[in-house]
Amino acid sequence: MSQLRKQGLTRRALLSRAAAAGALAVAGAGFIAAPDAAWAVEVTAISEHEMATLLQMARDIYPHDRIGDRFYAIAVKGHDSEDHKAMVAEGVAALDAAAKAAGFDSYLAAGWEADRVAILRGLEDTPFFQAVRGGLVTGLYNQKEVWPVFGYEGESFSQGGYIDRGFDDIDWL
């Protein structure tokens, strides 16, 4: 800690900057935790590295700055199963190999979103990519907690339908 103070950086400032960076941390055997929020995801069939890669991949496929990582974790949690274990292992290995070919240590080590997206584009025709992307469509956007971010009020049938709830309130026509 004294080294930090000599450099003009307190432990608290260091931790707050690390949290602002949004890096995921392995919190123990089988857990990944976010330093900027109170959530963690337990992995049982896949490794922590594979789950962290799936989370980053999900953010790169459907990037929404206003949606927290915990919602992406919920969306990709379904891939933490024995049925998906081999596909995820092979897919993450392919992502890491493509990242190494591009000059990075791994997919997660590619610091810029544009670099990661370029790596993903090279694998977008693979069954792994299509399975993750397809699962995200419903896994991410069917979470009621994220609907307000997009201005979606949910289904309207239980409230009388859209005709009685602003269907014809267009004032610019």
Protein backbone atom coordinates (compact mmCIF):
# COMPACT_ATOMS: atom_id res chain seq x y z
CA MET A 1 0.00 0.00 0.00
CA SER A 2 2.86 2.36 0.67
CA GLN A 3 4.02 1.88 -2.92
CA LEU A 4 0.61 3.00 -4.12
CA ARG A 5 0.69 6.13 -1.97
CA LYS A 6 4.16 7.00 -3.19
CA GLN A 7 2.75 7.01 -6.70
CA GLY A 8 -0.15 9.22 -5.59
CA LEU A 9 -2.71 6.43 -5.87
CA THR A 10 -4.58 5.11 -2.85
CA ARG A 11 -5.85 1.55 -2.61
CA ARG A 12 -9.42 2.84 -2.79
CA ALA A 13 -8.68 4.79 -6.00
CA LEU A 14 -6.98 1.77 -7.51
CA LEU A 15 -9.95 -0.47 -6.74
CA SER A 16 -12.45 2.07 -8.06
CA ARG A 17 -10.49 2.39 -11.31
CA ALA A 18 -10.34 -1.37 -11.68
CA ALA A 19 -14.10 -1.55 -11.13
CA ALA A 20 -14.67 1.16 -13.72
CA ALA A 21 -12.69 -0.86 -16.23
CA GLY A 22 -15.35 -3.57 -15.87
CA ALA A 23 -12.97 -6.51 -15.77
CA LEU A 24 -14.38 -9.82 -14.63
CA ALA A 25 -12.57 -11.61 -11.85
CA VAL A 26 -12.42 -15.28 -10.98
CA ALA A 27 -13.73 -15.29 -7.43
CA GLY A 28 -12.92 -18.89 -6.64
CA ALA A 29 -13.20 -22.33 -8.08
CA GLY A 30 -16.15 -22.22 -10.42
CA PHE A 31 -17.18 -18.60 -9.88
CA ILE A 32 -16.83 -15.41 -11.90
CA ALA A 33 -17.68 -12.12 -10.20
CA ALA A 34 -17.99 -8.56 -11.39
CA PRO A 35 -16.05 -5.95 -9.45
CA ASP A 36 -18.58 -3.23 -10.30
CA ALA A 37 -21.75 -4.92 -9.10
CA ALA A 38 -23.07 -7.49 -6.66
CA TRP A 39 -23.35 -10.56 -8.85
CA ALA A 40 -21.47 -13.70 -9.61
CA VAL A 41 -22.06 -16.66 -11.87
CA GLU A 42 -21.26 -20.22 -10.93
CA VAL A 43 -19.98 -22.54 -13.62
CA THR A 44 -20.29 -26.29 -13.37
CA ALA A 45 -19.59 -27.86 -16.77
CA ILE A 46 -17.37 -25.29 -18.46
CA SER A 47 -14.30 -23.45 -17.18
CA GLU A 48 -14.17 -19.94 -15.76
CA HIS A 49 -12.14 -18.85 -18.81
CA GLU A 50 -14.80 -20.25 -21.13
CA MET A 51 -17.60 -18.46 -19.24
CA ALA A 52 -15.66 -15.18 -19.22
CA THR A 53 -15.09 -15.60 -22.96
CA LEU A 54 -18.81 -16.26 -23.53
CA LEU A 55 -19.66 -13.11 -21.56
CA GLN A 56 -17.28 -10.97 -23.60
CA MET A 57 -18.48 -12.60 -26.82
CA ALA A 58 -22.10 -11.82 -25.86
CA ARG A 59 -21.21 -8.19 -25.23
CA ASP A 60 -19.43 -8.00 -28.58
CA ILE A 61 -22.30 -9.59 -30.52
CA TYR A 62 -25.04 -7.47 -28.92
CA PRO A 63 -23.29 -4.43 -27.39
CA HIS A 64 -25.43 -2.35 -25.05
CA ASP A 65 -23.49 -0.08 -22.72
CA ARG A 66 -26.53 0.47 -20.50
CA ILE A 67 -27.06 -3.23 -19.81
CA GLY A 68 -24.99 -4.77 -17.02
CA ASP A 69 -22.88 -7.87 -17.36
CA ARG A 70 -25.20 -9.82 -15.07
CA PHE A 71 -27.87 -9.84 -17.79
CA TYR A 72 -25.37 -11.18 -20.30
CA ALA A 73 -24.33 -13.81 -17.74
CA ILE A 74 -27.94 -14.94 -17.41
CA ALA A 75 -28.22 -15.09 -21.20
CA VAL A 76 -25.16 -17.33 -21.70
CA LYS A 77 -25.59 -19.44 -18.55
CA GLY A 78 -27.49 -22.04 -20.59
CA HIS A 79 -24.24 -22.98 -22.32
CA ASP A 80 -22.83 -24.16 -18.98
CA SER A 81 -24.12 -27.68 -19.43
CA GLU A 82 -22.77 -31.10 -20.28
CA ASP A 83 -24.65 -30.92 -23.59
CA HIS A 84 -22.76 -27.77 -24.63
CA LYS A 85 -19.44 -28.47 -22.90
CA ALA A 86 -17.59 -29.81 -25.96
CA MET A 87 -19.00 -27.16 -28.31
CA VAL A 88 -18.03 -24.35 -25.92
CA ALA A 89 -14.54 -25.76 -25.35
CA GLU A 90 -13.91 -26.08 -29.09
CA GLY A 91 -15.45 -22.67 -29.84
CA VAL A 92 -13.45 -20.83 -27.19
CA ALA A 93 -10.29 -22.62 -28.32
CA ALA A 94 -11.02 -21.47 -31.89
CA LEU A 95 -11.59 -17.89 -30.68
CA ASP A 96 -8.33 -17.95 -28.74
CA ALA A 97 -6.46 -19.43 -31.72
CA ALA A 98 -7.85 -16.73 -34.02
CA ALA A 99 -6.86 -14.10 -31.46
CA LYS A 100 -3.33 -15.50 -31.29
CA ALA A 101 -3.12 -15.37 -35.08
CA ALA A 102 -4.11 -11.70 -34.82
CA GLY A 103 -1.34 -11.04 -32.29
CA PHE A 104 -3.20 -11.34 -28.97
CA ASP A 105 -2.69 -13.84 -26.15
CA SER A 106 -6.40 -14.77 -26.19
CA TYR A 107 -9.78 -13.44 -27.26
CA LEU A 108 -10.17 -11.79 -23.86
CA ALA A 109 -6.74 -10.16 -24.21
CA ALA A 110 -7.85 -8.27 -27.32
CA GLY A 111 -8.50 -4.94 -25.64
CA TRP A 112 -10.40 -3.16 -28.39
CA GLU A 113 -13.93 -4.11 -29.35
CA ALA A 114 -13.09 -3.68 -33.05
CA ASP A 115 -10.32 -6.30 -32.74
CA ARG A 116 -12.65 -8.77 -31.03
CA VAL A 117 -15.40 -8.17 -33.60
CA ALA A 118 -12.92 -8.87 -36.40
CA ILE A 119 -12.04 -12.16 -34.69
CA LEU A 120 -15.75 -13.00 -34.33
CA ARG A 121 -16.42 -12.25 -38.01
CA GLY A 122 -13.95 -14.96 -38.93
CA LEU A 123 -15.97 -17.49 -36.95
CA GLU A 124 -19.53 -16.29 -37.55
CA ASP A 125 -20.42 -19.23 -39.81
CA THR A 126 -19.47 -21.83 -37.19
CA PRO A 127 -22.12 -23.75 -35.24
CA PHE A 128 -20.59 -22.40 -31.99
CA PHE A 129 -21.06 -18.76 -32.99
CA GLN A 130 -24.56 -19.39 -34.30
CA ALA A 131 -25.56 -21.23 -31.11
CA VAL A 132 -24.32 -18.41 -28.88
CA ARG A 133 -25.82 -15.67 -31.07
CA GLY A 134 -29.14 -17.47 -31.36
CA GLY A 135 -29.33 -18.08 -27.61
CA LEU A 136 -28.66 -14.42 -26.93
CA VAL A 137 -31.68 -13.25 -28.91
CA THR A 138 -34.08 -14.74 -26.41
CA GLY A 139 -31.74 -15.12 -23.45
CA LEU A 140 -30.90 -11.42 -23.32
CA TYR A 141 -33.98 -9.68 -24.66
CA ASN A 142 -36.57 -11.80 -22.82
CA GLN A 143 -35.38 -10.53 -19.44
CA LYS A 144 -38.04 -8.16 -18.09
CA GLU A 145 -35.43 -6.14 -16.21
CA VAL A 146 -33.82 -4.95 -19.48
CA TRP A 147 -37.06 -3.98 -21.22
CA PRO A 148 -37.17 -0.44 -19.78
CA VAL A 149 -33.71 0.24 -21.25
CA PHE A 150 -35.23 -0.19 -24.70
CA GLY A 151 -38.54 1.51 -23.90
CA TYR A 152 -40.47 -1.75 -24.22
CA GLU A 153 -43.42 -1.94 -21.84
CA GLY A 154 -44.03 -5.64 -22.31
CA GLU A 155 -46.98 -7.48 -23.73
CA SER A 156 -50.22 -5.54 -23.89
CA PHE A 157 -52.84 -8.29 -24.10
CA SER A 158 -53.35 -8.35 -20.35
CA GLN A 159 -53.85 -4.57 -20.43
CA GLY A 160 -56.41 -4.45 -23.24
CA GLY A 161 -54.11 -4.49 -26.26
CA TYR A 162 -52.18 -1.78 -28.05
CA ILE A 163 -55.20 -0.06 -29.59
CA ASP A 164 -56.25 1.26 -26.19
CA ARG A 165 -52.67 1.98 -25.07
CA GLY A 166 -51.26 4.53 -27.49
CA PHE A 167 -51.50 2.75 -30.84
CA ASP A 168 -52.95 5.82 -32.51
CA ASP A 169 -51.26 8.64 -30.60
CA ILE A 170 -48.90 9.60 -33.41
CA ASP A 171 -48.94 13.39 -33.48
CA TRP A 172 -46.57 13.93 -36.39
CA LEU A 173 -48.88 12.65 -39.14
